[in-house]
Amino acid sequence: MKTDKIEIRSDLTGSKIALETAEKFIAYNDIKGKDAIHIRLLTEEALSLINGIMENIRAELRIESEKTAKGLLCTIRLTAKKGIDPLMEDRLKSISTSGKNENARGILGKIREMFRISMQYNAEGVYSGTSLEVNSWYNLGMSRDKSMNDDAQYWSLMTYTDRICEKEKKSSEEWDELEKSIIAKLADDVKVWLKSNSTEVVIEKLIKA
């Protein structure tokens, strides 16, 4: 099952329709109890990713479900096409000149920062590591989908978490972020696809059979 695509703007225009759509999705799939609450919360988390990033930026949100051997896989997709005018690009650059990732606090903040970065840089620029904003947290989550023709790269919350666990020296800040994050606790994975012409955030939630 796939819902209609809903346009969301950075001022959260469209968010009411998105939340109503989430309720219809929950009802259609007969999702109950805590699972229903989790879908609502993850939809809200997806909406917050675009809120206030930059004036006039728009994205499309869609919720999907697929029956699998393990249960019902629910996917929330937030997609934004690139194409900012020179004035907006200058504003983005003024935000990111320090390269300190001051906005990338918390797991949701890191995902939101990748969303913002992708509006300024093309995929090659981000992946090559030439961007000032690319920090260790970004590299820790990088994965590669070899099943795709272009051997696509993406950032994965699951990969990030696994690599944090593997690190010999784990900072308390890294663990605190994971422990306090709603999206890290509720989602089975969050993937951020940084493509040359768009960015797509995919939030996956498996409701076990």
C-alpha atoms as a PDB file:
ATOM      1  CA  MET A   1       0.000   0.000   0.000  1.00  0.00           C
ATOM      2  CA  LYS A   2       1.261   3.476  -0.879  1.00  0.00           C
ATOM      3  CA  THR A   3      -0.295   6.758   0.195  1.00  0.00           C
ATOM      4  CA  ASP A   4      -0.506   9.747  -2.106  1.00  0.00           C
ATOM      5  CA  LYS A   5       2.505  12.056  -2.139  1.00  0.00           C
ATOM      6  CA  ILE A   6       2.024  15.060   0.134  1.00  0.00           C
ATOM      7  CA  GLU A   7       3.906  18.305  -0.415  1.00  0.00           C
ATOM      8  CA  ILE A   8       5.596  19.610   2.724  1.00  0.00           C
ATOM      9  CA  ARG A   9       7.208  23.047   2.940  1.00  0.00           C
ATOM     10  CA  SER A  10       9.855  24.290   5.326  1.00  0.00           C
ATOM     11  CA  ASP A  11       7.211  26.261   7.250  1.00  0.00           C
ATOM     12  CA  LEU A  12       5.386  22.923   7.741  1.00  0.00           C
ATOM     13  CA  THR A  13       2.591  23.744   5.310  1.00  0.00           C
ATOM     14  CA  GLY A  14       1.108  20.367   4.474  1.00  0.00           C
ATOM     15  CA  SER A  15       1.991  18.771   7.809  1.00  0.00           C
ATOM     16  CA  LYS A  16      -1.654  18.526   8.896  1.00  0.00           C
ATOM     17  CA  ILE A  17      -2.516  16.565   5.755  1.00  0.00           C
ATOM     18  CA  ALA A  18       0.566  14.386   6.289  1.00  0.00           C
ATOM     19  CA  LEU A  19      -0.499  13.499   9.834  1.00  0.00           C
ATOM     20  CA  GLU A  20      -4.056  12.788   8.695  1.00  0.00           C
ATOM     21  CA  THR A  21      -2.623  10.545   5.987  1.00  0.00           C
ATOM     22  CA  ALA A  22      -0.582   8.708   8.625  1.00  0.00           C
ATOM     23  CA  GLU A  23      -3.798   8.037  10.552  1.00  0.00           C
ATOM     24  CA  LYS A  24      -5.464   6.651   7.414  1.00  0.00           C
ATOM     25  CA  PHE A  25      -2.380   4.508   6.785  1.00  0.00           C
ATOM     26  CA  ILE A  26      -2.584   3.129  10.337  1.00  0.00           C
ATOM     27  CA  ALA A  27      -6.288   2.343   9.958  1.00  0.00           C
ATOM     28  CA  TYR A  28      -5.907   0.759   6.513  1.00  0.00           C
ATOM     29  CA  ASN A  29      -3.153  -1.560   7.746  1.00  0.00           C
ATOM     30  CA  ASP A  30      -4.998  -2.274  11.011  1.00  0.00           C
ATOM     31  CA  ILE A  31      -2.009  -1.158  13.081  1.00  0.00           C
ATOM     32  CA  LYS A  32      -2.797  -1.100  16.798  1.00  0.00           C
ATOM     33  CA  GLY A  33      -1.399  -0.007  20.166  1.00  0.00           C
ATOM     34  CA  LYS A  34       2.248   0.981  20.476  1.00  0.00           C
ATOM     35  CA  ASP A  35       2.916   0.257  16.811  1.00  0.00           C
ATOM     36  CA  ALA A  36       0.322   2.878  15.813  1.00  0.00           C
ATOM     37  CA  ILE A  37       1.893   5.397  18.210  1.00  0.00           C
ATOM     38  CA  HIS A  38       5.319   4.689  16.743  1.00  0.00           C
ATOM     39  CA  ILE A  39       4.132   5.329  13.177  1.00  0.00           C
ATOM     40  CA  ARG A  40       2.650   8.664  14.301  1.00  0.00           C
ATOM     41  CA  LEU A  41       5.854   9.674  16.096  1.00  0.00           C
ATOM     42  CA  LEU A  42       8.089   8.679  13.180  1.00  0.00           C
ATOM     43  CA  THR A  43       5.905  10.696  10.797  1.00  0.00           C
ATOM     44  CA  GLU A  44       6.348  13.716  13.073  1.00  0.00           C
ATOM     45  CA  GLU A  45      10.118  13.121  13.117  1.00  0.00           C
ATOM     46  CA  ALA A  46      10.151  13.036   9.303  1.00  0.00           C
ATOM     47  CA  LEU A  47       8.267  16.341   9.135  1.00  0.00           C
ATOM     48  CA  SER A  48      10.702  17.998  11.542  1.00  0.00           C
ATOM     49  CA  LEU A  49      13.607  17.241   9.197  1.00  0.00           C
ATOM     50  CA  ILE A  50      12.545  19.907   6.709  1.00  0.00           C
ATOM     51  CA  ASN A  51      11.145  22.430   9.173  1.00  0.00           C
ATOM     52  CA  GLY A  52      13.008  25.729   8.920  1.00  0.00           C
ATOM     53  CA  ILE A  53      15.950  24.399   6.867  1.00  0.00           C
ATOM     54  CA  MET A  54      15.583  27.189   4.332  1.00  0.00           C
ATOM     55  CA  GLU A  55      12.759  29.361   3.052  1.00  0.00           C
ATOM     56  CA  ASN A  56      10.825  27.953   0.076  1.00  0.00           C
ATOM     57  CA  ILE A  57      12.338  24.468   0.220  1.00  0.00           C
ATOM     58  CA  ARG A  58       9.736  21.807  -0.510  1.00  0.00           C
ATOM     59  CA  ALA A  59       9.648  18.056  -0.098  1.00  0.00           C
ATOM     60  CA  GLU A  60       7.248  15.202  -0.753  1.00  0.00           C
ATOM     61  CA  LEU A  61       6.213  12.704   1.914  1.00  0.00           C
ATOM     62  CA  ARG A  62       4.789   9.256   1.236  1.00  0.00           C
ATOM     63  CA  ILE A  63       4.117   6.293   3.560  1.00  0.00           C
ATOM     64  CA  GLU A  64       4.292   2.742   2.258  1.00  0.00           C
ATOM     65  CA  SER A  65       3.648  -0.749   3.613  1.00  0.00           C
ATOM     66  CA  GLU A  66       4.854  -4.130   2.392  1.00  0.00           C
ATOM     67  CA  LYS A  67       4.118  -7.572   3.812  1.00  0.00           C
ATOM     68  CA  THR A  68       7.284  -9.579   4.459  1.00  0.00           C
ATOM     69  CA  ALA A  69       8.118 -12.911   6.077  1.00  0.00           C
ATOM     70  CA  LYS A  70       9.010 -11.071   9.290  1.00  0.00           C
ATOM     71  CA  GLY A  71       5.969  -8.814   9.374  1.00  0.00           C
ATOM     72  CA  LEU A  72       4.681  -5.549   7.925  1.00  0.00           C
ATOM     73  CA  LEU A  73       7.463  -3.249   6.762  1.00  0.00           C
ATOM     74  CA  CYS A  74       6.341   0.386   7.020  1.00  0.00           C
ATOM     75  CA  THR A  75       8.381   3.014   5.199  1.00  0.00           C
ATOM     76  CA  ILE A  76       8.155   6.790   5.481  1.00  0.00           C
ATOM     77  CA  ARG A  77       9.835   8.555   2.541  1.00  0.00           C
ATOM     78  CA  LEU A  78      10.716  12.240   2.489  1.00  0.00           C
ATOM     79  CA  THR A  79      12.095  13.381  -0.859  1.00  0.00           C
ATOM     80  CA  ALA A  80      13.353  16.829  -1.833  1.00  0.00           C
ATOM     81  CA  LYS A  81      14.521  17.795  -5.287  1.00  0.00           C
ATOM     82  CA  LYS A  82      17.468  20.113  -5.676  1.00  0.00           C
ATOM     83  CA  GLY A  83      17.323  23.330  -7.577  1.00  0.00           C
ATOM     84  CA  ILE A  84      17.946  26.336  -5.341  1.00  0.00           C
ATOM     85  CA  ASP A  85      18.477  29.781  -6.754  1.00  0.00           C
ATOM     86  CA  PRO A  86      21.767  31.692  -6.229  1.00  0.00           C
ATOM     87  CA  LEU A  87      20.341  33.771  -3.349  1.00  0.00           C
ATOM     88  CA  MET A  88      19.261  30.684  -1.413  1.00  0.00           C
ATOM     89  CA  GLU A  89      22.624  29.045  -2.116  1.00  0.00           C
ATOM     90  CA  ASP A  90      24.449  32.073  -0.697  1.00  0.00           C
ATOM     91  CA  ARG A  91      22.304  31.855   2.448  1.00  0.00           C
ATOM     92  CA  LEU A  92      23.138  28.195   2.843  1.00  0.00           C
ATOM     93  CA  LYS A  93      26.837  28.903   2.420  1.00  0.00           C
ATOM     94  CA  SER A  94      26.699  31.614   5.075  1.00  0.00           C
ATOM     95  CA  ILE A  95      25.203  29.072   7.475  1.00  0.00           C
ATOM     96  CA  SER A  96      27.932  26.499   6.830  1.00  0.00           C
ATOM     97  CA  THR A  97      31.146  28.523   6.475  1.00  0.00           C
ATOM     98  CA  SER A  98      32.516  27.504   9.883  1.00  0.00           C
ATOM     99  CA  GLY A  99      32.376  23.807   9.062  1.00  0.00           C
ATOM    100  CA  LYS A 100      31.800  23.003  12.738  1.00  0.00           C
ATOM    101  CA  ASN A 101      28.478  21.227  12.338  1.00  0.00           C
ATOM    102  CA  GLU A 102      26.976  23.237  15.163  1.00  0.00           C
ATOM    103  CA  ASN A 103      23.476  22.250  14.027  1.00  0.00           C
ATOM    104  CA  ALA A 104      24.316  18.530  13.913  1.00  0.00           C
ATOM    105  CA  ARG A 105      23.439  17.798  17.521  1.00  0.00           C
ATOM    106  CA  GLY A 106      21.535  14.650  18.316  1.00  0.00           C
ATOM    107  CA  ILE A 107      20.658  11.914  15.826  1.00  0.00           C
ATOM    108  CA  LEU A 108      17.763  13.843  14.292  1.00  0.00           C
ATOM    109  CA  GLY A 109      20.000  16.917  14.063  1.00  0.00           C
ATOM    110  CA  LYS A 110      22.614  14.939  12.138  1.00  0.00           C
ATOM    111  CA  ILE A 111      20.042  13.630   9.664  1.00  0.00           C
ATOM    112  CA  ARG A 112      18.595  17.124   9.317  1.00  0.00           C
ATOM    113  CA  GLU A 113      22.075  18.535   8.692  1.00  0.00           C
ATOM    114  CA  MET A 114      22.658  16.030   5.887  1.00  0.00           C
ATOM    115  CA  PHE A 115      19.376  17.153   4.379  1.00  0.00           C
ATOM    116  CA  ARG A 116      20.592  20.754   4.476  1.00  0.00           C
ATOM    117  CA  ILE A 117      24.060  19.960   3.136  1.00  0.00           C
ATOM    118  CA  SER A 118      22.598  18.058   0.208  1.00  0.00           C
ATOM    119  CA  MET A 119      20.751  21.182  -0.927  1.00  0.00           C
ATOM    120  CA  GLN A 120      24.078  22.897  -1.471  1.00  0.00           C
ATOM    121  CA  TYR A 121      26.455  20.197  -2.650  1.00  0.00           C
ATOM    122  CA  ASN A 122      26.099  17.592  -5.359  1.00  0.00           C
ATOM    123  CA  ALA A 123      26.476  13.905  -4.510  1.00  0.00           C
ATOM    124  CA  GLU A 124      30.063  13.714  -5.735  1.00  0.00           C
ATOM    125  CA  GLY A 125      31.128  16.647  -3.581  1.00  0.00           C
ATOM    126  CA  VAL A 126      29.643  15.128  -0.453  1.00  0.00           C
ATOM    127  CA  TYR A 127      30.971  11.634  -1.008  1.00  0.00           C
ATOM    128  CA  SER A 128      34.519  12.729  -1.852  1.00  0.00           C
ATOM    129  CA  GLY A 129      34.902  14.204   1.606  1.00  0.00           C
ATOM    130  CA  THR A 130      35.773  17.657   0.277  1.00  0.00           C
ATOM    131  CA  SER A 131      32.896  19.312   2.134  1.00  0.00           C
ATOM    132  CA  LEU A 132      33.836  21.006   5.401  1.00  0.00           C
ATOM    133  CA  GLU A 133      30.665  19.626   6.983  1.00  0.00           C
ATOM    134  CA  VAL A 134      31.610  15.960   6.507  1.00  0.00           C
ATOM    135  CA  ASN A 135      32.611  14.838   9.991  1.00  0.00           C
ATOM    136  CA  SER A 136      33.342  11.497  11.598  1.00  0.00           C
ATOM    137  CA  TRP A 137      29.654  10.864  12.335  1.00  0.00           C
ATOM    138  CA  TYR A 138      28.901  11.138   8.635  1.00  0.00           C
ATOM    139  CA  ASN A 139      31.629   8.688   7.652  1.00  0.00           C
ATOM    140  CA  LEU A 140      30.629   6.225  10.380  1.00  0.00           C
ATOM    141  CA  GLY A 141      27.196   5.837   8.808  1.00  0.00           C
ATOM    142  CA  MET A 142      28.173   5.557   5.150  1.00  0.00           C
ATOM    143  CA  SER A 143      27.011   2.389   3.373  1.00  0.00           C
ATOM    144  CA  ARG A 144      26.913   1.156  -0.197  1.00  0.00           C
ATOM    145  CA  ASP A 145      24.145  -0.618  -2.088  1.00  0.00           C
ATOM    146  CA  LYS A 146      25.938  -2.890  -4.547  1.00  0.00           C
ATOM    147  CA  SER A 147      22.659  -4.165  -5.954  1.00  0.00           C
ATOM    148  CA  MET A 148      22.123  -0.841  -7.703  1.00  0.00           C
ATOM    149  CA  ASN A 149      23.711  -0.080 -11.052  1.00  0.00           C
ATOM    150  CA  ASP A 150      25.566   2.965  -9.795  1.00  0.00           C
ATOM    151  CA  ASP A 151      26.765   1.230  -6.628  1.00  0.00           C
ATOM    152  CA  ALA A 152      24.893   3.911  -4.712  1.00  0.00           C
ATOM    153  CA  GLN A 153      26.104   5.282  -1.404  1.00  0.00           C
ATOM    154  CA  TYR A 154      23.874   6.317   1.453  1.00  0.00           C
ATOM    155  CA  TRP A 155      24.028   7.123   5.172  1.00  0.00           C
ATOM    156  CA  SER A 156      22.452   4.504   7.444  1.00  0.00           C
ATOM    157  CA  LEU A 157      21.492   4.899  11.100  1.00  0.00           C
ATOM    158  CA  MET A 158      21.876   1.131  11.578  1.00  0.00           C
ATOM    159  CA  THR A 159      25.416   1.225  10.175  1.00  0.00           C
ATOM    160  CA  TYR A 160      26.232   4.282  12.302  1.00  0.00           C
ATOM    161  CA  THR A 161      24.976   2.548  15.467  1.00  0.00           C
ATOM    162  CA  ASP A 162      26.857  -0.682  14.700  1.00  0.00           C
ATOM    163  CA  ARG A 163      30.115   1.186  14.134  1.00  0.00           C
ATOM    164  CA  ILE A 164      29.678   3.190  17.322  1.00  0.00           C
ATOM    165  CA  CYS A 165      29.349  -0.145  19.156  1.00  0.00           C
ATOM    166  CA  GLU A 166      32.521  -1.434  17.482  1.00  0.00           C
ATOM    167  CA  LYS A 167      34.630   1.578  18.407  1.00  0.00           C
ATOM    168  CA  GLU A 168      37.257   0.965  21.095  1.00  0.00           C
ATOM    169  CA  LYS A 169      36.728   4.428  22.512  1.00  0.00           C
ATOM    170  CA  LYS A 170      33.069   5.372  22.680  1.00  0.00           C
ATOM    171  CA  SER A 171      32.221   8.904  23.745  1.00  0.00           C
ATOM    172  CA  SER A 172      29.426   9.474  26.230  1.00  0.00           C
ATOM    173  CA  GLU A 173      27.970  12.053  23.845  1.00  0.00           C
ATOM    174  CA  GLU A 174      27.544   9.436  21.092  1.00  0.00           C
ATOM    175  CA  TRP A 175      25.731   7.071  23.445  1.00  0.00           C
ATOM    176  CA  ASP A 176      23.604   9.834  24.956  1.00  0.00           C
ATOM    177  CA  GLU A 177      22.456  10.875  21.492  1.00  0.00           C
ATOM    178  CA  LEU A 178      21.379   7.340  20.635  1.00  0.00           C
ATOM    179  CA  GLU A 179      19.674   6.821  23.992  1.00  0.00           C
ATOM    180  CA  LYS A 180      17.727  10.089  23.832  1.00  0.00           C
ATOM    181  CA  SER A 181      16.726   9.925  20.172  1.00  0.00           C
ATOM    182  CA  ILE A 182      13.112   9.038  19.373  1.00  0.00           C
ATOM    183  CA  ILE A 183      13.961   8.144  15.811  1.00  0.00           C
ATOM    184  CA  ALA A 184      16.889   5.917  16.879  1.00  0.00           C
ATOM    185  CA  LYS A 185      14.725   4.061  19.402  1.00  0.00           C
ATOM    186  CA  LEU A 186      11.667   3.525  17.200  1.00  0.00           C
ATOM    187  CA  ALA A 187      13.003   3.067  13.666  1.00  0.00           C
ATOM    188  CA  ASP A 188      14.641  -0.142  12.498  1.00  0.00           C
ATOM    189  CA  ASP A 189      16.768   1.940  10.155  1.00  0.00           C
ATOM    190  CA  VAL A 190      16.967   5.418   8.673  1.00  0.00           C
ATOM    191  CA  LYS A 191      18.667   5.784   5.305  1.00  0.00           C
ATOM    192  CA  VAL A 192      19.633   9.077   3.726  1.00  0.00           C
ATOM    193  CA  TRP A 193      20.188   8.822  -0.027  1.00  0.00           C
ATOM    194  CA  LEU A 194      22.224  11.796  -1.253  1.00  0.00           C
ATOM    195  CA  LYS A 195      21.708  11.836  -5.008  1.00  0.00           C
ATOM    196  CA  SER A 196      22.909  14.345  -7.570  1.00  0.00           C
ATOM    197  CA  ASN A 197      19.422  15.796  -8.129  1.00  0.00           C
ATOM    198  CA  SER A 198      17.573  14.939  -4.916  1.00  0.00           C
ATOM    199  CA  THR A 199      17.780  13.790  -1.319  1.00  0.00           C
ATOM    200  CA  GLU A 200      15.600  11.026   0.078  1.00  0.00           C
ATOM    201  CA  VAL A 201      15.224  10.111   3.745  1.00  0.00           C
ATOM    202  CA  VAL A 202      13.787   6.613   4.227  1.00  0.00           C
ATOM    203  CA  ILE A 203      12.551   5.688   7.703  1.00  0.00           C
ATOM    204  CA  GLU A 204      11.893   1.961   8.116  1.00  0.00           C
ATOM    205  CA  LYS A 205       9.722   0.404  10.831  1.00  0.00           C
ATOM    206  CA  LEU A 206       9.029  -3.333  10.945  1.00  0.00           C
ATOM    207  CA  ILE A 207       5.841  -4.372  12.686  1.00  0.00           C
ATOM    208  CA  LYS A 208       6.509  -7.990  13.501  1.00  0.00           C
ATOM    209  CA  ALA A 209       3.940 -10.644  12.633  1.00  0.00           C
END
